[in-house]
């Protein structure tokens, strides 16, 4: 009996993931607010009623996509922040990490960039909450660094928010440059590195 339940659970999870993957593919060319559940179920090859075994609505599906998309960023957060100090080499390394993430997860980056200010409120709120959690994670990493001695929690959180915003902006620009010339990609990378360096300079002089 337990074996049968395990098979059913695995199949249910497989169908749920297929719905998420299909939606993400369809969202390459449209916003979530215009996505119909019949489009998604048709792409997966299941009946529309099957959708409701996994999600209450397309907004609910969108929230799940946010969790999946931003969840893929977690392994990169600590490494990027630790790399983004005042060293040119480490700042370049941080930008390279973001570029690698964009190249590996372009659909996720595109979805977040589009829906962060999109028309589906629960999805906007989930992105905002996830980014706030990211900022807290970054703040924890920053607090470990000697440069943070004497900083208040509020100032560290403000700095963390700057880094998170910069990561997202850099990811969006690098996503746009994926199909551009090598020269344009190089320009975007140089600008991103300069912007991160500016944050580092501001950090160094904030308490001066």
C-alpha atoms as a PDB file:
ATOM      1  CA  UNK A   1       0.000   0.000   0.000  1.00  0.00           C
ATOM      2  CA  UNK A   2       2.749   2.420   0.972  1.00  0.00           C
ATOM      3  CA  UNK A   3       4.532   1.592  -2.289  1.00  0.00           C
ATOM      4  CA  UNK A   4       1.411   2.536  -4.274  1.00  0.00           C
ATOM      5  CA  UNK A   5       1.044   5.782  -2.310  1.00  0.00           C
ATOM      6  CA  UNK A   6       4.680   6.563  -3.002  1.00  0.00           C
ATOM      7  CA  UNK A   7       4.175   6.070  -6.734  1.00  0.00           C
ATOM      8  CA  UNK A   8       1.084   8.284  -6.708  1.00  0.00           C
ATOM      9  CA  UNK A   9       2.885  10.993  -4.766  1.00  0.00           C
ATOM     10  CA  UNK A  10       5.814  10.886  -7.176  1.00  0.00           C
ATOM     11  CA  UNK A  11       3.448  11.149 -10.151  1.00  0.00           C
ATOM     12  CA  UNK A  12       1.630  14.053  -8.521  1.00  0.00           C
ATOM     13  CA  UNK A  13       4.920  15.868  -7.948  1.00  0.00           C
ATOM     14  CA  UNK A  14       5.978  15.139 -11.528  1.00  0.00           C
ATOM     15  CA  UNK A  15       2.752  16.663 -12.880  1.00  0.00           C
ATOM     16  CA  UNK A  16       3.100  19.701 -10.617  1.00  0.00           C
ATOM     17  CA  UNK A  17       6.640  20.301 -11.846  1.00  0.00           C
ATOM     18  CA  UNK A  18       5.510  19.840 -15.442  1.00  0.00           C
ATOM     19  CA  UNK A  19       2.889  22.562 -14.919  1.00  0.00           C
ATOM     20  CA  UNK A  20       5.520  24.897 -13.465  1.00  0.00           C
ATOM     21  CA  UNK A  21       7.938  24.203 -16.312  1.00  0.00           C
ATOM     22  CA  UNK A  22       5.230  24.709 -18.940  1.00  0.00           C
ATOM     23  CA  UNK A  23       4.126  27.980 -17.366  1.00  0.00           C
ATOM     24  CA  UNK A  24       7.698  29.240 -17.202  1.00  0.00           C
ATOM     25  CA  UNK A  25       8.145  28.453 -20.882  1.00  0.00           C
ATOM     26  CA  UNK A  26       4.918  30.215 -21.835  1.00  0.00           C
ATOM     27  CA  UNK A  27       5.928  33.235 -19.760  1.00  0.00           C
ATOM     28  CA  UNK A  28       8.942  33.787 -21.989  1.00  0.00           C
ATOM     29  CA  UNK A  29       6.618  35.717 -24.305  1.00  0.00           C
ATOM     30  CA  UNK A  30       3.878  37.068 -22.022  1.00  0.00           C
ATOM     31  CA  UNK A  31       3.126  38.256 -18.518  1.00  0.00           C
ATOM     32  CA  UNK A  32       1.486  36.146 -15.838  1.00  0.00           C
ATOM     33  CA  UNK A  33      -1.644  38.307 -15.881  1.00  0.00           C
ATOM     34  CA  UNK A  34      -2.339  37.207 -19.460  1.00  0.00           C
ATOM     35  CA  UNK A  35      -1.568  33.519 -18.912  1.00  0.00           C
ATOM     36  CA  UNK A  36      -4.551  31.148 -18.974  1.00  0.00           C
ATOM     37  CA  UNK A  37      -4.596  27.871 -17.105  1.00  0.00           C
ATOM     38  CA  UNK A  38      -5.875  26.104 -20.228  1.00  0.00           C
ATOM     39  CA  UNK A  39      -2.689  27.166 -22.017  1.00  0.00           C
ATOM     40  CA  UNK A  40      -0.645  25.574 -19.271  1.00  0.00           C
ATOM     41  CA  UNK A  41      -2.613  22.323 -19.071  1.00  0.00           C
ATOM     42  CA  UNK A  42      -2.648  22.027 -22.860  1.00  0.00           C
ATOM     43  CA  UNK A  43       1.138  22.317 -22.919  1.00  0.00           C
ATOM     44  CA  UNK A  44       1.426  19.544 -20.325  1.00  0.00           C
ATOM     45  CA  UNK A  45      -1.261  17.353 -21.885  1.00  0.00           C
ATOM     46  CA  UNK A  46      -3.598  17.144 -18.879  1.00  0.00           C
ATOM     47  CA  UNK A  47      -7.227  18.165 -18.402  1.00  0.00           C
ATOM     48  CA  UNK A  48      -7.875  21.702 -17.074  1.00  0.00           C
ATOM     49  CA  UNK A  49      -9.466  20.211 -13.955  1.00  0.00           C
ATOM     50  CA  UNK A  50      -6.109  18.584 -13.137  1.00  0.00           C
ATOM     51  CA  UNK A  51      -4.631  22.050 -12.638  1.00  0.00           C
ATOM     52  CA  UNK A  52      -6.658  22.546  -9.454  1.00  0.00           C
ATOM     53  CA  UNK A  53      -5.158  19.474  -7.825  1.00  0.00           C
ATOM     54  CA  UNK A  54      -1.921  21.440  -7.629  1.00  0.00           C
ATOM     55  CA  UNK A  55      -2.743  25.178  -7.665  1.00  0.00           C
ATOM     56  CA  UNK A  56      -5.749  27.271  -6.669  1.00  0.00           C
ATOM     57  CA  UNK A  57      -5.228  29.729  -9.521  1.00  0.00           C
ATOM     58  CA  UNK A  58      -2.625  31.034 -11.956  1.00  0.00           C
ATOM     59  CA  UNK A  59      -1.662  33.540  -9.239  1.00  0.00           C
ATOM     60  CA  UNK A  60      -0.982  30.614  -6.899  1.00  0.00           C
ATOM     61  CA  UNK A  61       1.119  29.012  -9.636  1.00  0.00           C
ATOM     62  CA  UNK A  62       2.965  32.316 -10.027  1.00  0.00           C
ATOM     63  CA  UNK A  63       3.798  32.373  -6.315  1.00  0.00           C
ATOM     64  CA  UNK A  64       5.225  28.848  -6.651  1.00  0.00           C
ATOM     65  CA  UNK A  65       7.324  30.038  -9.597  1.00  0.00           C
ATOM     66  CA  UNK A  66       8.680  32.894  -7.475  1.00  0.00           C
ATOM     67  CA  UNK A  67       9.731  30.404  -4.810  1.00  0.00           C
ATOM     68  CA  UNK A  68      11.413  28.253  -7.444  1.00  0.00           C
ATOM     69  CA  UNK A  69      13.060  31.152  -9.288  1.00  0.00           C
ATOM     70  CA  UNK A  70      14.402  32.985  -6.259  1.00  0.00           C
ATOM     71  CA  UNK A  71      15.240  29.725  -4.520  1.00  0.00           C
ATOM     72  CA  UNK A  72      17.821  29.157  -7.228  1.00  0.00           C
ATOM     73  CA  UNK A  73      19.560  32.356  -6.098  1.00  0.00           C
ATOM     74  CA  UNK A  74      20.292  31.202  -2.554  1.00  0.00           C
ATOM     75  CA  UNK A  75      23.529  29.345  -3.335  1.00  0.00           C
ATOM     76  CA  UNK A  76      24.849  32.461  -5.070  1.00  0.00           C
ATOM     77  CA  UNK A  77      24.036  35.063  -2.392  1.00  0.00           C
ATOM     78  CA  UNK A  78      26.778  34.428   0.159  1.00  0.00           C
ATOM     79  CA  UNK A  79      29.440  33.820  -2.466  1.00  0.00           C
ATOM     80  CA  UNK A  80      28.561  36.995  -4.375  1.00  0.00           C
ATOM     81  CA  UNK A  81      28.559  39.196  -1.280  1.00  0.00           C
ATOM     82  CA  UNK A  82      31.818  37.761   0.013  1.00  0.00           C
ATOM     83  CA  UNK A  83      33.342  38.419  -3.400  1.00  0.00           C
ATOM     84  CA  UNK A  84      32.046  41.975  -3.638  1.00  0.00           C
ATOM     85  CA  UNK A  85      34.574  43.765  -1.459  1.00  0.00           C
ATOM     86  CA  UNK A  86      36.902  46.556  -2.555  1.00  0.00           C
ATOM     87  CA  UNK A  87      39.201  44.318  -4.615  1.00  0.00           C
ATOM     88  CA  UNK A  88      38.751  44.739  -8.370  1.00  0.00           C
ATOM     89  CA  UNK A  89      39.420  41.040  -8.808  1.00  0.00           C
ATOM     90  CA  UNK A  90      36.726  40.040  -6.336  1.00  0.00           C
ATOM     91  CA  UNK A  91      34.199  42.473  -7.761  1.00  0.00           C
ATOM     92  CA  UNK A  92      34.825  41.008 -11.204  1.00  0.00           C
ATOM     93  CA  UNK A  93      34.317  37.567  -9.673  1.00  0.00           C
ATOM     94  CA  UNK A  94      30.979  38.683  -8.198  1.00  0.00           C
ATOM     95  CA  UNK A  95      29.750  39.952 -11.565  1.00  0.00           C
ATOM     96  CA  UNK A  96      30.915  36.716 -13.190  1.00  0.00           C
ATOM     97  CA  UNK A  97      28.851  34.733 -10.659  1.00  0.00           C
ATOM     98  CA  UNK A  98      25.753  36.737 -11.555  1.00  0.00           C
ATOM     99  CA  UNK A  99      26.451  36.310 -15.268  1.00  0.00           C
ATOM    100  CA  UNK A 100      26.774  32.549 -14.812  1.00  0.00           C
ATOM    101  CA  UNK A 101      23.457  32.434 -12.951  1.00  0.00           C
ATOM    102  CA  UNK A 102      21.744  34.392 -15.724  1.00  0.00           C
ATOM    103  CA  UNK A 103      23.153  32.066 -18.383  1.00  0.00           C
ATOM    104  CA  UNK A 104      22.032  29.024 -16.376  1.00  0.00           C
ATOM    105  CA  UNK A 105      18.565  30.271 -15.348  1.00  0.00           C
ATOM    106  CA  UNK A 106      17.490  32.851 -17.965  1.00  0.00           C
ATOM    107  CA  UNK A 107      13.771  32.021 -17.766  1.00  0.00           C
ATOM    108  CA  UNK A 108      13.769  32.449 -13.991  1.00  0.00           C
ATOM    109  CA  UNK A 109      15.575  35.794 -14.213  1.00  0.00           C
ATOM    110  CA  UNK A 110      13.198  37.002 -16.921  1.00  0.00           C
ATOM    111  CA  UNK A 111      10.142  35.972 -14.892  1.00  0.00           C
ATOM    112  CA  UNK A 112      11.268  37.844 -11.765  1.00  0.00           C
ATOM    113  CA  UNK A 113      12.313  40.935 -13.728  1.00  0.00           C
ATOM    114  CA  UNK A 114       8.921  41.079 -15.449  1.00  0.00           C
ATOM    115  CA  UNK A 115       6.684  40.212 -12.509  1.00  0.00           C
ATOM    116  CA  UNK A 116       8.447  42.221  -9.797  1.00  0.00           C
ATOM    117  CA  UNK A 117       6.334  45.199 -10.839  1.00  0.00           C
ATOM    118  CA  UNK A 118       3.687  43.224 -12.730  1.00  0.00           C
ATOM    119  CA  UNK A 119      -0.066  43.096 -12.476  1.00  0.00           C
ATOM    120  CA  UNK A 120      -0.566  40.074 -10.182  1.00  0.00           C
ATOM    121  CA  UNK A 121      -0.557  41.309  -6.595  1.00  0.00           C
ATOM    122  CA  UNK A 122       0.150  38.014  -4.742  1.00  0.00           C
ATOM    123  CA  UNK A 123       3.164  37.449  -6.985  1.00  0.00           C
ATOM    124  CA  UNK A 124       4.477  40.998  -6.440  1.00  0.00           C
ATOM    125  CA  UNK A 125       4.082  40.523  -2.691  1.00  0.00           C
ATOM    126  CA  UNK A 126       5.849  37.154  -2.732  1.00  0.00           C
ATOM    127  CA  UNK A 127       8.771  38.644  -4.674  1.00  0.00           C
ATOM    128  CA  UNK A 128       8.965  41.531  -2.217  1.00  0.00           C
ATOM    129  CA  UNK A 129       8.933  39.151   0.765  1.00  0.00           C
ATOM    130  CA  UNK A 130      11.556  36.876  -0.785  1.00  0.00           C
ATOM    131  CA  UNK A 131      13.831  39.838  -1.568  1.00  0.00           C
ATOM    132  CA  UNK A 132      13.424  41.081   2.004  1.00  0.00           C
ATOM    133  CA  UNK A 133      14.606  37.667   3.197  1.00  0.00           C
ATOM    134  CA  UNK A 134      17.535  37.887   0.793  1.00  0.00           C
ATOM    135  CA  UNK A 135      18.449  41.264   2.266  1.00  0.00           C
ATOM    136  CA  UNK A 136      18.439  39.718   5.749  1.00  0.00           C
ATOM    137  CA  UNK A 137      20.726  36.925   4.509  1.00  0.00           C
ATOM    138  CA  UNK A 138      23.083  39.444   2.930  1.00  0.00           C
ATOM    139  CA  UNK A 139      23.047  41.521   6.118  1.00  0.00           C
ATOM    140  CA  UNK A 140      24.123  38.434   8.078  1.00  0.00           C
ATOM    141  CA  UNK A 141      27.016  37.884   5.659  1.00  0.00           C
ATOM    142  CA  UNK A 142      28.041  41.548   5.765  1.00  0.00           C
ATOM    143  CA  UNK A 143      27.989  41.599   9.571  1.00  0.00           C
ATOM    144  CA  UNK A 144      30.729  38.931   9.589  1.00  0.00           C
ATOM    145  CA  UNK A 145      33.140  41.162   7.680  1.00  0.00           C
ATOM    146  CA  UNK A 146      35.669  43.423   9.486  1.00  0.00           C
ATOM    147  CA  UNK A 147      34.502  46.397   7.390  1.00  0.00           C
ATOM    148  CA  UNK A 148      31.147  46.238   9.163  1.00  0.00           C
ATOM    149  CA  UNK A 149      32.532  47.008  12.615  1.00  0.00           C
ATOM    150  CA  UNK A 150      30.558  49.859  14.143  1.00  0.00           C
ATOM    151  CA  UNK A 151      27.638  49.581  11.731  1.00  0.00           C
ATOM    152  CA  UNK A 152      24.100  49.523  13.112  1.00  0.00           C
ATOM    153  CA  UNK A 153      21.633  46.799  12.077  1.00  0.00           C
ATOM    154  CA  UNK A 154      19.598  49.371  10.158  1.00  0.00           C
ATOM    155  CA  UNK A 155      22.608  50.581   8.187  1.00  0.00           C
ATOM    156  CA  UNK A 156      23.711  47.018   7.455  1.00  0.00           C
ATOM    157  CA  UNK A 157      20.214  46.183   6.205  1.00  0.00           C
ATOM    158  CA  UNK A 158      20.252  49.287   4.018  1.00  0.00           C
ATOM    159  CA  UNK A 159      23.604  48.225   2.544  1.00  0.00           C
ATOM    160  CA  UNK A 160      22.295  44.687   2.048  1.00  0.00           C
ATOM    161  CA  UNK A 161      19.313  46.095   0.160  1.00  0.00           C
ATOM    162  CA  UNK A 162      21.665  48.010  -2.133  1.00  0.00           C
ATOM    163  CA  UNK A 163      23.558  44.821  -2.922  1.00  0.00           C
ATOM    164  CA  UNK A 164      20.363  42.853  -3.586  1.00  0.00           C
ATOM    165  CA  UNK A 165      18.982  45.576  -5.859  1.00  0.00           C
ATOM    166  CA  UNK A 166      22.316  45.763  -7.664  1.00  0.00           C
ATOM    167  CA  UNK A 167      22.367  41.992  -8.190  1.00  0.00           C
ATOM    168  CA  UNK A 168      18.870  42.065  -9.670  1.00  0.00           C
ATOM    169  CA  UNK A 169      19.606  45.034 -11.907  1.00  0.00           C
ATOM    170  CA  UNK A 170      22.842  43.439 -13.097  1.00  0.00           C
ATOM    171  CA  UNK A 171      21.023  40.158 -13.777  1.00  0.00           C
ATOM    172  CA  UNK A 172      18.352  41.963 -15.812  1.00  0.00           C
ATOM    173  CA  UNK A 173      20.928  43.843 -17.892  1.00  0.00           C
ATOM    174  CA  UNK A 174      22.974  40.703 -18.489  1.00  0.00           C
ATOM    175  CA  UNK A 175      19.817  38.872 -19.520  1.00  0.00           C
ATOM    176  CA  UNK A 176      19.112  41.543 -22.152  1.00  0.00           C
ATOM    177  CA  UNK A 177      22.708  41.238 -23.344  1.00  0.00           C
ATOM    178  CA  UNK A 178      22.642  37.430 -23.757  1.00  0.00           C
ATOM    179  CA  UNK A 179      21.853  37.736 -27.451  1.00  0.00           C
ATOM    180  CA  UNK A 180      23.919  40.895 -27.939  1.00  0.00           C
ATOM    181  CA  UNK A 181      27.419  41.200 -29.317  1.00  0.00           C
ATOM    182  CA  UNK A 182      30.455  40.330 -27.232  1.00  0.00           C
ATOM    183  CA  UNK A 183      31.274  44.030 -27.170  1.00  0.00           C
ATOM    184  CA  UNK A 184      27.882  44.903 -25.666  1.00  0.00           C
ATOM    185  CA  UNK A 185      28.123  42.117 -23.087  1.00  0.00           C
ATOM    186  CA  UNK A 186      31.539  43.408 -22.129  1.00  0.00           C
ATOM    187  CA  UNK A 187      30.171  46.928 -21.715  1.00  0.00           C
ATOM    188  CA  UNK A 188      27.346  45.708 -19.463  1.00  0.00           C
ATOM    189  CA  UNK A 189      29.810  43.723 -17.365  1.00  0.00           C
ATOM    190  CA  UNK A 190      32.149  46.707 -16.959  1.00  0.00           C
ATOM    191  CA  UNK A 191      29.311  49.017 -15.926  1.00  0.00           C
ATOM    192  CA  UNK A 192      28.028  46.444 -13.414  1.00  0.00           C
ATOM    193  CA  UNK A 193      31.495  46.128 -11.890  1.00  0.00           C
ATOM    194  CA  UNK A 194      31.822  49.920 -11.617  1.00  0.00           C
ATOM    195  CA  UNK A 195      28.439  50.174  -9.910  1.00  0.00           C
ATOM    196  CA  UNK A 196      29.367  47.493  -7.384  1.00  0.00           C
ATOM    197  CA  UNK A 197      32.679  49.219  -6.799  1.00  0.00           C
ATOM    198  CA  UNK A 198      30.803  52.463  -6.094  1.00  0.00           C
ATOM    199  CA  UNK A 199      28.748  50.704  -3.411  1.00  0.00           C
ATOM    200  CA  UNK A 200      31.985  49.398  -1.866  1.00  0.00           C
ATOM    201  CA  UNK A 201      33.514  52.892  -1.831  1.00  0.00           C
ATOM    202  CA  UNK A 202      30.387  54.272  -0.182  1.00  0.00           C
ATOM    203  CA  UNK A 203      30.538  51.489   2.389  1.00  0.00           C
ATOM    204  CA  UNK A 204      34.137  52.282   3.239  1.00  0.00           C
ATOM    205  CA  UNK A 205      33.387  55.963   3.812  1.00  0.00           C
ATOM    206  CA  UNK A 206      29.921  55.731   5.383  1.00  0.00           C
ATOM    207  CA  UNK A 207      31.131  56.020   8.966  1.00  0.00           C
ATOM    208  CA  UNK A 208      34.057  58.317   8.124  1.00  0.00           C
END
